[in-house]
Amino acid sequence: MATTTDRATLLKNAGVVTTLIDAGMELLKGRRKSGALLLGAAVVSSRVPGFGTAVSLALRAYRRLR
């Protein structure tokens, strides 16, 4: 059975990976600034869980409201 720390580590890693995927998609679409922002957020997210997800959501909200 997984312990609480194992689950926390798994969720933290999943957040970093999804932010990296978002960054890759942005770079493929030619949005270099957004891609770089998300890459930086993925790096920070490895220390601060949820940061990359928050940046990704904020970026999407900004685009929708723009």
Foldseek 3Di string as FASTA:
>chain_A
DDDPVRVVVVQLVVLLVVLLVVLVVCVVVVNPVLSVVSPVQSVVSNVVPPSSVVSVVVVVVVVVVD
